[in-house]
Amino acid sequence: MKKLTQAAFQSAKNFIMDQGRELDQRRFEFHFEGGSADAVLTALASYQNDDGGFGNSLEPDIRTSASSAIATTVGFQVLREIRAPAEHPLVRKGIEYFVSTYDKSRRVWQIIPPEVEEAPHAPWWNYEDSPENFGQFLINPRAEIVGYLHEFSDGVPTELLKPLAATLLEYLDSLSDKMEMHDILCFVKLAETETLPNSEKVWEKLAQAAAPRIAQSPEQLTGYVLKPLWLVSSPESPLAAEFKEEVEMNLDFEIEQQGGDGSWSPNFSWGDQHPETWQIAKKEWQSKFTVDTLKTLRDFGRIEQVDK
């Protein structure tokens, strides 16, 4: 079994502390050095707007300061990660944003606002094409948001939450097993919600949908594909046993992918679009991915002499 050496771990820490975002520095300290959740929340607060939504490049591929549903889901990923209390102001304001921006007529959230076009952004975050590119938002970001509304349900109107969850699960039943990768990942976030009723049903569907799409070899992982570790984020995942071989392969691969500067880098780019801004976004992705990868390796026992 391959393990990340202590020297490699230290190199990753040095990258985070020297070049990473403050948010990721606080996340690293939280997971590895007994840092406080409050310090993470303070760093995250700088990305939240007055309307309760998150923006301000929290999602590095979207540089607008304006709030968006997708950036707000990223904020809630952090809130879930540190088990933020439901009564915390960042959580309450974020939930209020989701409730206020819900499109009742279509029962969805628009993934990005028009303001995205006013700032540099990745080619795939084109506002005009977003409904078509993201399946009319019926899964992405709806499934993930519904998970957070269940997890932090204080302040969520019952007349919104129950019908929305029922509609989403009904829609899941109607889907074929040939699901798009990001749709699968949104349902993973939904299924990981501890307070979600009938989560077993979601996991069963995910296992069927992921089986033909999940990367089976290191060669496949060099492309933009469904990583086993995106589906099985911890040893406690309900799908950990089913995809055990794929997960072990992915863990070996991640250890080998650490860069000379100690970081893990995205395997995608913006191409020729906004090349100077892409270098900023790339560094932010490296910051996030390095903390994410270290946490995953730690959780699966793949770092030498680092206690959980």
C-alpha atoms as a PDB file:
ATOM      1  CA  MET A   1       0.000   0.000   0.000  1.00  0.00           C
ATOM      2  CA  LYS A   2       1.423   3.350  -1.055  1.00  0.00           C
ATOM      3  CA  LYS A   3       1.514   6.104   1.538  1.00  0.00           C
ATOM      4  CA  LEU A   4       2.357   9.776   1.395  1.00  0.00           C
ATOM      5  CA  THR A   5       5.650  10.252   3.190  1.00  0.00           C
ATOM      6  CA  GLN A   6       6.094  12.749   5.990  1.00  0.00           C
ATOM      7  CA  ALA A   7       8.450  14.744   3.759  1.00  0.00           C
ATOM      8  CA  ALA A   8       5.764  14.916   1.056  1.00  0.00           C
ATOM      9  CA  PHE A   9       3.165  15.893   3.662  1.00  0.00           C
ATOM     10  CA  GLN A  10       5.415  18.698   4.903  1.00  0.00           C
ATOM     11  CA  SER A  11       5.943  19.879   1.341  1.00  0.00           C
ATOM     12  CA  ALA A  12       2.176  20.054   0.853  1.00  0.00           C
ATOM     13  CA  LYS A  13       1.764  21.973   4.103  1.00  0.00           C
ATOM     14  CA  ASN A  14       4.460  24.435   3.041  1.00  0.00           C
ATOM     15  CA  PHE A  15       2.638  25.070  -0.237  1.00  0.00           C
ATOM     16  CA  ILE A  16      -0.650  25.718   1.538  1.00  0.00           C
ATOM     17  CA  MET A  17       0.877  28.055   4.104  1.00  0.00           C
ATOM     18  CA  ASP A  18       3.085  29.911   1.638  1.00  0.00           C
ATOM     19  CA  GLN A  19       0.821  30.124  -1.411  1.00  0.00           C
ATOM     20  CA  GLY A  20      -2.660  28.960  -0.435  1.00  0.00           C
ATOM     21  CA  ARG A  21      -5.839  30.871   0.217  1.00  0.00           C
ATOM     22  CA  GLU A  22      -6.477  31.884   3.813  1.00  0.00           C
ATOM     23  CA  LEU A  23      -9.595  29.697   3.768  1.00  0.00           C
ATOM     24  CA  ASP A  24      -7.543  26.628   2.875  1.00  0.00           C
ATOM     25  CA  GLN A  25      -4.869  27.480   5.428  1.00  0.00           C
ATOM     26  CA  ARG A  26      -7.539  27.518   8.133  1.00  0.00           C
ATOM     27  CA  ARG A  27      -9.065  24.297   6.750  1.00  0.00           C
ATOM     28  CA  PHE A  28      -5.657  22.612   6.925  1.00  0.00           C
ATOM     29  CA  GLU A  29      -5.187  23.732  10.509  1.00  0.00           C
ATOM     30  CA  PHE A  30      -8.681  22.520  11.378  1.00  0.00           C
ATOM     31  CA  HIS A  31      -8.062  19.026   9.998  1.00  0.00           C
ATOM     32  CA  PHE A  32      -4.433  18.502  10.975  1.00  0.00           C
ATOM     33  CA  GLU A  33      -3.415  20.865  13.763  1.00  0.00           C
ATOM     34  CA  GLY A  34      -6.409  21.231  16.048  1.00  0.00           C
ATOM     35  CA  GLY A  35      -7.434  24.529  14.486  1.00  0.00           C
ATOM     36  CA  SER A  36     -10.847  25.926  15.308  1.00  0.00           C
ATOM     37  CA  ALA A  37     -13.975  25.814  13.203  1.00  0.00           C
ATOM     38  CA  ASP A  38     -14.472  29.489  14.049  1.00  0.00           C
ATOM     39  CA  ALA A  39     -11.244  30.364  12.231  1.00  0.00           C
ATOM     40  CA  VAL A  40     -12.523  28.564   9.122  1.00  0.00           C
ATOM     41  CA  LEU A  41     -15.845  30.383   9.390  1.00  0.00           C
ATOM     42  CA  THR A  42     -14.099  33.747   9.694  1.00  0.00           C
ATOM     43  CA  ALA A  43     -12.129  33.068   6.527  1.00  0.00           C
ATOM     44  CA  LEU A  44     -15.236  31.825   4.711  1.00  0.00           C
ATOM     45  CA  ALA A  45     -17.203  34.923   5.704  1.00  0.00           C
ATOM     46  CA  SER A  46     -15.169  37.079   3.315  1.00  0.00           C
ATOM     47  CA  TYR A  47     -16.808  35.269   0.396  1.00  0.00           C
ATOM     48  CA  GLN A  48     -20.394  35.841   1.559  1.00  0.00           C
ATOM     49  CA  ASN A  49     -22.391  38.794   0.248  1.00  0.00           C
ATOM     50  CA  ASP A  50     -25.082  40.849   1.965  1.00  0.00           C
ATOM     51  CA  ASP A  51     -27.781  38.805   0.220  1.00  0.00           C
ATOM     52  CA  GLY A  52     -26.489  35.672   1.987  1.00  0.00           C
ATOM     53  CA  GLY A  53     -25.122  34.067  -1.146  1.00  0.00           C
ATOM     54  CA  PHE A  54     -21.466  33.326  -1.769  1.00  0.00           C
ATOM     55  CA  GLY A  55     -19.388  34.732  -4.619  1.00  0.00           C
ATOM     56  CA  ASN A  56     -16.127  36.654  -4.803  1.00  0.00           C
ATOM     57  CA  SER A  57     -14.244  33.828  -6.564  1.00  0.00           C
ATOM     58  CA  LEU A  58     -14.999  31.193  -3.918  1.00  0.00           C
ATOM     59  CA  GLU A  59     -15.516  28.987  -6.970  1.00  0.00           C
ATOM     60  CA  PRO A  60     -12.200  29.851  -8.659  1.00  0.00           C
ATOM     61  CA  ASP A  61     -13.538  29.516 -12.213  1.00  0.00           C
ATOM     62  CA  ILE A  62     -16.136  32.253 -11.572  1.00  0.00           C
ATOM     63  CA  ARG A  63     -14.513  35.615 -10.777  1.00  0.00           C
ATOM     64  CA  THR A  64     -17.607  37.774 -10.327  1.00  0.00           C
ATOM     65  CA  SER A  65     -18.257  39.217  -6.890  1.00  0.00           C
ATOM     66  CA  ALA A  66     -21.973  38.535  -7.328  1.00  0.00           C
ATOM     67  CA  SER A  67     -23.612  35.669  -5.496  1.00  0.00           C
ATOM     68  CA  SER A  68     -24.441  32.494  -7.377  1.00  0.00           C
ATOM     69  CA  ALA A  69     -26.119  29.222  -6.524  1.00  0.00           C
ATOM     70  CA  ILE A  70     -23.020  27.266  -7.512  1.00  0.00           C
ATOM     71  CA  ALA A  71     -20.647  29.352  -5.376  1.00  0.00           C
ATOM     72  CA  THR A  72     -23.081  29.115  -2.481  1.00  0.00           C
ATOM     73  CA  THR A  73     -23.057  25.316  -2.725  1.00  0.00           C
ATOM     74  CA  VAL A  74     -19.253  25.518  -2.479  1.00  0.00           C
ATOM     75  CA  GLY A  75     -19.665  27.587   0.663  1.00  0.00           C
ATOM     76  CA  PHE A  76     -21.992  24.981   2.119  1.00  0.00           C
ATOM     77  CA  GLN A  77     -19.510  22.231   1.291  1.00  0.00           C
ATOM     78  CA  VAL A  78     -17.142  23.962   3.710  1.00  0.00           C
ATOM     79  CA  LEU A  79     -19.905  24.489   6.277  1.00  0.00           C
ATOM     80  CA  ARG A  80     -20.720  20.775   6.128  1.00  0.00           C
ATOM     81  CA  GLU A  81     -17.042  19.829   6.262  1.00  0.00           C
ATOM     82  CA  ILE A  82     -16.509  21.559   9.609  1.00  0.00           C
ATOM     83  CA  ARG A  83     -19.999  20.708  10.891  1.00  0.00           C
ATOM     84  CA  ALA A  84     -20.986  24.327  11.321  1.00  0.00           C
ATOM     85  CA  PRO A  85     -23.976  24.811  13.640  1.00  0.00           C
ATOM     86  CA  ALA A  86     -27.285  25.554  11.945  1.00  0.00           C
ATOM     87  CA  GLU A  87     -27.690  28.732  13.993  1.00  0.00           C
ATOM     88  CA  HIS A  88     -24.421  30.287  12.798  1.00  0.00           C
ATOM     89  CA  PRO A  89     -25.029  33.561  10.879  1.00  0.00           C
ATOM     90  CA  LEU A  90     -23.195  32.308   7.769  1.00  0.00           C
ATOM     91  CA  VAL A  91     -25.470  29.277   7.643  1.00  0.00           C
ATOM     92  CA  ARG A  92     -28.662  31.211   8.342  1.00  0.00           C
ATOM     93  CA  LYS A  93     -27.886  33.841   5.717  1.00  0.00           C
ATOM     94  CA  GLY A  94     -26.920  31.185   3.181  1.00  0.00           C
ATOM     95  CA  ILE A  95     -30.172  29.294   3.719  1.00  0.00           C
ATOM     96  CA  GLU A  96     -32.098  32.546   3.359  1.00  0.00           C
ATOM     97  CA  TYR A  97     -30.350  33.100   0.036  1.00  0.00           C
ATOM     98  CA  PHE A  98     -31.390  29.659  -1.228  1.00  0.00           C
ATOM     99  CA  VAL A  99     -34.989  30.207  -0.124  1.00  0.00           C
ATOM    100  CA  SER A 100     -35.214  33.684  -1.674  1.00  0.00           C
ATOM    101  CA  THR A 101     -33.662  32.689  -5.020  1.00  0.00           C
ATOM    102  CA  TYR A 102     -35.734  29.535  -5.538  1.00  0.00           C
ATOM    103  CA  ASP A 103     -37.683  29.636  -8.814  1.00  0.00           C
ATOM    104  CA  LYS A 104     -41.086  28.355  -7.702  1.00  0.00           C
ATOM    105  CA  SER A 105     -42.477  28.116 -11.222  1.00  0.00           C
ATOM    106  CA  ARG A 106     -39.722  25.768 -12.427  1.00  0.00           C
ATOM    107  CA  ARG A 107     -38.760  24.353  -9.012  1.00  0.00           C
ATOM    108  CA  VAL A 108     -35.063  24.980  -9.603  1.00  0.00           C
ATOM    109  CA  TRP A 109     -32.214  27.345  -8.841  1.00  0.00           C
ATOM    110  CA  GLN A 110     -30.459  29.181 -11.657  1.00  0.00           C
ATOM    111  CA  ILE A 111     -26.855  28.003 -11.377  1.00  0.00           C
ATOM    112  CA  ILE A 112     -25.164  31.327 -12.241  1.00  0.00           C
ATOM    113  CA  PRO A 113     -26.374  34.947 -12.576  1.00  0.00           C
ATOM    114  CA  PRO A 114     -25.929  37.256 -15.595  1.00  0.00           C
ATOM    115  CA  GLU A 115     -23.145  39.099 -13.733  1.00  0.00           C
ATOM    116  CA  VAL A 116     -20.838  36.174 -14.485  1.00  0.00           C
ATOM    117  CA  GLU A 117     -20.285  37.656 -17.948  1.00  0.00           C
ATOM    118  CA  GLU A 118     -18.934  40.909 -16.473  1.00  0.00           C
ATOM    119  CA  ALA A 119     -15.811  39.248 -15.046  1.00  0.00           C
ATOM    120  CA  PRO A 120     -13.303  36.655 -16.262  1.00  0.00           C
ATOM    121  CA  HIS A 121     -14.587  33.096 -16.046  1.00  0.00           C
ATOM    122  CA  ALA A 122     -13.983  29.620 -17.387  1.00  0.00           C
ATOM    123  CA  PRO A 123     -15.436  28.867 -20.840  1.00  0.00           C
ATOM    124  CA  TRP A 124     -17.997  26.449 -19.403  1.00  0.00           C
ATOM    125  CA  TRP A 125     -19.525  29.155 -17.198  1.00  0.00           C
ATOM    126  CA  ASN A 126     -21.316  30.953 -20.021  1.00  0.00           C
ATOM    127  CA  TYR A 127     -24.558  32.484 -18.755  1.00  0.00           C
ATOM    128  CA  GLU A 128     -26.553  32.333 -21.985  1.00  0.00           C
ATOM    129  CA  ASP A 129     -25.836  28.638 -22.497  1.00  0.00           C
ATOM    130  CA  SER A 130     -26.143  27.612 -18.852  1.00  0.00           C
ATOM    131  CA  PRO A 131     -29.726  26.234 -18.966  1.00  0.00           C
ATOM    132  CA  GLU A 132     -28.838  23.938 -21.847  1.00  0.00           C
ATOM    133  CA  ASN A 133     -25.412  23.032 -20.482  1.00  0.00           C
ATOM    134  CA  PHE A 134     -26.777  22.170 -17.048  1.00  0.00           C
ATOM    135  CA  GLY A 135     -29.947  20.291 -17.927  1.00  0.00           C
ATOM    136  CA  GLN A 136     -32.298  23.163 -17.067  1.00  0.00           C
ATOM    137  CA  PHE A 137     -30.882  22.933 -13.497  1.00  0.00           C
ATOM    138  CA  LEU A 138     -33.118  19.972 -12.652  1.00  0.00           C
ATOM    139  CA  ILE A 139     -30.212  18.188 -10.948  1.00  0.00           C
ATOM    140  CA  ASN A 140     -27.271  20.581 -10.884  1.00  0.00           C
ATOM    141  CA  PRO A 141     -27.392  22.484  -8.547  1.00  0.00           C
ATOM    142  CA  ARG A 142     -30.870  21.500  -7.273  1.00  0.00           C
ATOM    143  CA  ALA A 143     -29.972  18.101  -5.791  1.00  0.00           C
ATOM    144  CA  GLU A 144     -27.067  19.471  -3.776  1.00  0.00           C
ATOM    145  CA  ILE A 145     -29.057  22.450  -2.521  1.00  0.00           C
ATOM    146  CA  VAL A 146     -31.910  20.233  -1.347  1.00  0.00           C
ATOM    147  CA  GLY A 147     -29.368  18.319   0.710  1.00  0.00           C
ATOM    148  CA  TYR A 148     -28.233  21.482   2.479  1.00  0.00           C
ATOM    149  CA  LEU A 149     -31.828  22.584   3.061  1.00  0.00           C
ATOM    150  CA  HIS A 150     -32.399  19.286   4.878  1.00  0.00           C
ATOM    151  CA  GLU A 151     -29.146  19.471   6.820  1.00  0.00           C
ATOM    152  CA  PHE A 152     -29.715  23.058   7.940  1.00  0.00           C
ATOM    153  CA  SER A 153     -33.500  22.989   7.930  1.00  0.00           C
ATOM    154  CA  ASP A 154     -34.051  25.755  10.505  1.00  0.00           C
ATOM    155  CA  GLY A 155     -35.646  28.604   8.629  1.00  0.00           C
ATOM    156  CA  VAL A 156     -36.652  26.494   5.632  1.00  0.00           C
ATOM    157  CA  PRO A 157     -40.439  26.618   5.109  1.00  0.00           C
ATOM    158  CA  THR A 158     -41.951  23.145   5.431  1.00  0.00           C
ATOM    159  CA  GLU A 159     -44.191  23.884   2.465  1.00  0.00           C
ATOM    160  CA  LEU A 160     -41.030  24.299   0.380  1.00  0.00           C
ATOM    161  CA  LEU A 161     -38.834  21.497   1.708  1.00  0.00           C
ATOM    162  CA  LYS A 162     -41.157  18.494   1.679  1.00  0.00           C
ATOM    163  CA  PRO A 163     -42.627  18.936  -1.835  1.00  0.00           C
ATOM    164  CA  LEU A 164     -39.219  19.836  -3.254  1.00  0.00           C
ATOM    165  CA  ALA A 165     -37.574  16.724  -1.832  1.00  0.00           C
ATOM    166  CA  ALA A 166     -40.447  14.552  -3.069  1.00  0.00           C
ATOM    167  CA  THR A 167     -40.235  16.093  -6.547  1.00  0.00           C
ATOM    168  CA  LEU A 168     -36.487  15.540  -6.694  1.00  0.00           C
ATOM    169  CA  LEU A 169     -36.655  11.883  -5.629  1.00  0.00           C
ATOM    170  CA  GLU A 170     -39.463  11.297  -8.107  1.00  0.00           C
ATOM    171  CA  TYR A 171     -37.304  12.812 -10.826  1.00  0.00           C
ATOM    172  CA  LEU A 172     -34.398  10.601  -9.775  1.00  0.00           C
ATOM    173  CA  ASP A 173     -36.612   7.535 -10.269  1.00  0.00           C
ATOM    174  CA  SER A 174     -37.364   8.629 -13.819  1.00  0.00           C
ATOM    175  CA  LEU A 175     -33.717   8.932 -14.839  1.00  0.00           C
ATOM    176  CA  SER A 176     -31.841   6.292 -16.763  1.00  0.00           C
ATOM    177  CA  ASP A 177     -28.554   4.940 -15.446  1.00  0.00           C
ATOM    178  CA  LYS A 178     -26.689   7.020 -18.048  1.00  0.00           C
ATOM    179  CA  MET A 179     -26.264  10.108 -15.899  1.00  0.00           C
ATOM    180  CA  GLU A 180     -23.847  12.963 -16.545  1.00  0.00           C
ATOM    181  CA  MET A 181     -20.850  13.056 -14.202  1.00  0.00           C
ATOM    182  CA  HIS A 182     -21.695  16.343 -12.473  1.00  0.00           C
ATOM    183  CA  ASP A 183     -25.285  15.220 -11.987  1.00  0.00           C
ATOM    184  CA  ILE A 184     -23.969  12.118 -10.232  1.00  0.00           C
ATOM    185  CA  LEU A 185     -21.798  14.287  -7.987  1.00  0.00           C
ATOM    186  CA  CYS A 186     -24.755  16.518  -7.065  1.00  0.00           C
ATOM    187  CA  PHE A 187     -26.705  13.438  -6.030  1.00  0.00           C
ATOM    188  CA  VAL A 188     -23.684  12.281  -4.000  1.00  0.00           C
ATOM    189  CA  LYS A 189     -23.866  15.525  -2.008  1.00  0.00           C
ATOM    190  CA  LEU A 190     -27.584  14.942  -1.532  1.00  0.00           C
ATOM    191  CA  ALA A 191     -27.082  11.332  -0.412  1.00  0.00           C
ATOM    192  CA  GLU A 192     -24.356  12.354   2.048  1.00  0.00           C
ATOM    193  CA  THR A 193     -26.916  14.454   3.930  1.00  0.00           C
ATOM    194  CA  GLU A 194     -27.324  12.675   7.261  1.00  0.00           C
ATOM    195  CA  THR A 195     -30.864  13.962   7.796  1.00  0.00           C
ATOM    196  CA  LEU A 196     -32.167  13.047   4.329  1.00  0.00           C
ATOM    197  CA  PRO A 197     -35.093  10.608   4.330  1.00  0.00           C
ATOM    198  CA  ASN A 198     -34.704   7.594   2.019  1.00  0.00           C
ATOM    199  CA  SER A 199     -31.015   8.227   1.318  1.00  0.00           C
ATOM    200  CA  GLU A 200     -30.581   4.491   0.628  1.00  0.00           C
ATOM    201  CA  LYS A 201     -32.694   4.951  -2.460  1.00  0.00           C
ATOM    202  CA  VAL A 202     -30.324   7.623  -3.744  1.00  0.00           C
ATOM    203  CA  TRP A 203     -27.233   5.497  -3.067  1.00  0.00           C
ATOM    204  CA  GLU A 204     -28.745   2.556  -4.963  1.00  0.00           C
ATOM    205  CA  LYS A 205     -29.339   4.733  -8.001  1.00  0.00           C
ATOM    206  CA  LEU A 206     -25.852   6.214  -7.750  1.00  0.00           C
ATOM    207  CA  ALA A 207     -24.232   2.787  -7.687  1.00  0.00           C
ATOM    208  CA  GLN A 208     -26.024   1.857 -10.904  1.00  0.00           C
ATOM    209  CA  ALA A 209     -25.266   5.160 -12.621  1.00  0.00           C
ATOM    210  CA  ALA A 210     -21.614   5.309 -11.554  1.00  0.00           C
ATOM    211  CA  ALA A 211     -20.613   1.743 -12.411  1.00  0.00           C
ATOM    212  CA  PRO A 212     -20.164   2.336 -16.175  1.00  0.00           C
ATOM    213  CA  ARG A 213     -18.634   5.799 -15.740  1.00  0.00           C
ATOM    214  CA  ILE A 214     -16.201   5.494 -12.867  1.00  0.00           C
ATOM    215  CA  ALA A 215     -12.487   5.506 -13.740  1.00  0.00           C
ATOM    216  CA  GLN A 216     -11.006   2.016 -13.714  1.00  0.00           C
ATOM    217  CA  SER A 217      -7.331   2.782 -14.370  1.00  0.00           C
ATOM    218  CA  PRO A 218      -4.668   5.439 -13.706  1.00  0.00           C
ATOM    219  CA  GLU A 219      -4.653   6.257 -17.427  1.00  0.00           C
ATOM    220  CA  GLN A 220      -8.317   7.223 -17.276  1.00  0.00           C
ATOM    221  CA  LEU A 221      -7.686   9.429 -14.261  1.00  0.00           C
ATOM    222  CA  THR A 222      -5.430  11.704 -16.301  1.00  0.00           C
ATOM    223  CA  GLY A 223      -8.578  12.945 -18.044  1.00  0.00           C
ATOM    224  CA  TYR A 224     -11.602  14.759 -16.646  1.00  0.00           C
ATOM    225  CA  VAL A 225     -13.555  11.721 -15.514  1.00  0.00           C
ATOM    226  CA  LEU A 226     -15.559  10.467 -12.547  1.00  0.00           C
ATOM    227  CA  LYS A 227     -12.948   9.821  -9.893  1.00  0.00           C
ATOM    228  CA  PRO A 228     -13.728   6.981  -7.478  1.00  0.00           C
ATOM    229  CA  LEU A 229     -12.803   9.289  -4.606  1.00  0.00           C
ATOM    230  CA  TRP A 230     -15.453  11.786  -5.706  1.00  0.00           C
ATOM    231  CA  LEU A 231     -18.037   9.052  -5.347  1.00  0.00           C
ATOM    232  CA  VAL A 232     -16.549   7.435  -2.235  1.00  0.00           C
ATOM    233  CA  SER A 233     -15.285  10.390  -0.225  1.00  0.00           C
ATOM    234  CA  SER A 234     -14.541   8.428   2.948  1.00  0.00           C
ATOM    235  CA  PRO A 235     -14.203   4.823   4.159  1.00  0.00           C
ATOM    236  CA  GLU A 236     -17.674   5.218   5.723  1.00  0.00           C
ATOM    237  CA  SER A 237     -19.376   5.775   2.358  1.00  0.00           C
ATOM    238  CA  PRO A 238     -22.155   3.268   1.596  1.00  0.00           C
ATOM    239  CA  LEU A 239     -20.391   2.602  -1.727  1.00  0.00           C
ATOM    240  CA  ALA A 240     -16.924   2.031  -0.233  1.00  0.00           C
ATOM    241  CA  ALA A 241     -17.119  -1.762  -0.441  1.00  0.00           C
ATOM    242  CA  GLU A 242     -18.634  -1.826  -3.923  1.00  0.00           C
ATOM    243  CA  PHE A 243     -15.883   0.325  -5.442  1.00  0.00           C
ATOM    244  CA  LYS A 244     -13.029  -0.729  -3.157  1.00  0.00           C
ATOM    245  CA  GLU A 245     -10.566  -1.626  -5.945  1.00  0.00           C
ATOM    246  CA  GLU A 246     -11.239   1.583  -7.836  1.00  0.00           C
ATOM    247  CA  VAL A 247     -10.784   3.645  -4.668  1.00  0.00           C
ATOM    248  CA  GLU A 248      -7.463   1.973  -3.820  1.00  0.00           C
ATOM    249  CA  MET A 249      -6.260   2.617  -7.364  1.00  0.00           C
ATOM    250  CA  ASN A 250      -7.320   6.258  -7.093  1.00  0.00           C
ATOM    251  CA  LEU A 251      -5.516   6.696  -3.769  1.00  0.00           C
ATOM    252  CA  ASP A 252      -2.282   5.340  -5.274  1.00  0.00           C
ATOM    253  CA  PHE A 253      -2.724   7.670  -8.233  1.00  0.00           C
ATOM    254  CA  GLU A 254      -3.209  10.772  -6.064  1.00  0.00           C
ATOM    255  CA  ILE A 255      -0.046  10.070  -4.091  1.00  0.00           C
ATOM    256  CA  GLU A 256       1.893   9.905  -7.351  1.00  0.00           C
ATOM    257  CA  GLN A 257       0.345  13.129  -8.676  1.00  0.00           C
ATOM    258  CA  GLN A 258       1.777  15.484  -6.073  1.00  0.00           C
ATOM    259  CA  GLY A 259       3.760  18.215  -7.792  1.00  0.00           C
ATOM    260  CA  GLY A 260       7.303  19.278  -7.076  1.00  0.00           C
ATOM    261  CA  ASP A 261       6.014  22.323  -5.199  1.00  0.00           C
ATOM    262  CA  GLY A 262       3.990  20.076  -2.879  1.00  0.00           C
ATOM    263  CA  SER A 263       0.609  20.823  -4.414  1.00  0.00           C
ATOM    264  CA  TRP A 264      -2.032  18.936  -6.353  1.00  0.00           C
ATOM    265  CA  SER A 265      -3.067  20.723  -9.544  1.00  0.00           C
ATOM    266  CA  PRO A 266      -6.234  20.733 -11.652  1.00  0.00           C
ATOM    267  CA  ASN A 267      -6.136  18.568 -14.773  1.00  0.00           C
ATOM    268  CA  PHE A 268      -8.171  21.160 -16.674  1.00  0.00           C
ATOM    269  CA  SER A 269      -7.586  24.737 -17.843  1.00  0.00           C
ATOM    270  CA  TRP A 270      -9.363  27.688 -19.403  1.00  0.00           C
ATOM    271  CA  GLY A 271      -7.503  27.249 -22.673  1.00  0.00           C
ATOM    272  CA  ASP A 272      -6.918  30.602 -24.369  1.00  0.00           C
ATOM    273  CA  GLN A 273      -9.596  32.414 -22.360  1.00  0.00           C
ATOM    274  CA  HIS A 274      -8.330  35.008 -19.849  1.00  0.00           C
ATOM    275  CA  PRO A 275      -4.829  33.444 -19.545  1.00  0.00           C
ATOM    276  CA  GLU A 276      -3.594  35.822 -16.841  1.00  0.00           C
ATOM    277  CA  THR A 277      -6.661  35.322 -14.660  1.00  0.00           C
ATOM    278  CA  TRP A 278      -6.426  31.581 -15.185  1.00  0.00           C
ATOM    279  CA  GLN A 279      -3.037  31.585 -13.464  1.00  0.00           C
ATOM    280  CA  ILE A 280      -4.710  33.110 -10.392  1.00  0.00           C
ATOM    281  CA  ALA A 281      -7.587  30.650 -10.533  1.00  0.00           C
ATOM    282  CA  LYS A 282      -5.195  27.737 -11.023  1.00  0.00           C
ATOM    283  CA  LYS A 283      -3.283  28.656  -7.858  1.00  0.00           C
ATOM    284  CA  GLU A 284      -6.568  28.808  -5.948  1.00  0.00           C
ATOM    285  CA  TRP A 285      -7.555  25.380  -7.266  1.00  0.00           C
ATOM    286  CA  GLN A 286      -4.156  24.049  -6.187  1.00  0.00           C
ATOM    287  CA  SER A 287      -4.749  25.470  -2.725  1.00  0.00           C
ATOM    288  CA  LYS A 288      -8.164  23.819  -2.423  1.00  0.00           C
ATOM    289  CA  PHE A 289      -7.167  20.511  -4.034  1.00  0.00           C
ATOM    290  CA  THR A 290      -4.107  20.153  -1.826  1.00  0.00           C
ATOM    291  CA  VAL A 291      -6.150  20.409   1.366  1.00  0.00           C
ATOM    292  CA  ASP A 292      -8.850  18.159  -0.096  1.00  0.00           C
ATOM    293  CA  THR A 293      -6.320  15.515  -1.108  1.00  0.00           C
ATOM    294  CA  LEU A 294      -4.473  15.536   2.200  1.00  0.00           C
ATOM    295  CA  LYS A 295      -7.742  15.123   4.085  1.00  0.00           C
ATOM    296  CA  THR A 296      -8.777  12.219   1.848  1.00  0.00           C
ATOM    297  CA  LEU A 297      -5.414  10.480   2.156  1.00  0.00           C
ATOM    298  CA  ARG A 298      -5.553  10.924   5.924  1.00  0.00           C
ATOM    299  CA  ASP A 299      -9.089   9.532   6.156  1.00  0.00           C
ATOM    300  CA  PHE A 300      -8.090   6.423   4.203  1.00  0.00           C
ATOM    301  CA  GLY A 301      -4.930   5.898   6.261  1.00  0.00           C
ATOM    302  CA  ARG A 302      -2.600   6.802   3.417  1.00  0.00           C
ATOM    303  CA  ILE A 303      -0.313   9.299   5.190  1.00  0.00           C
ATOM    304  CA  GLU A 304       2.634   8.028   7.188  1.00  0.00           C
ATOM    305  CA  GLN A 305       2.417   8.751  10.937  1.00  0.00           C
ATOM    306  CA  VAL A 306      -0.435  11.255  10.843  1.00  0.00           C
ATOM    307  CA  ASP A 307      -3.232  10.464  13.255  1.00  0.00           C
ATOM    308  CA  LYS A 308      -6.850  11.002  12.357  1.00  0.00           C
END
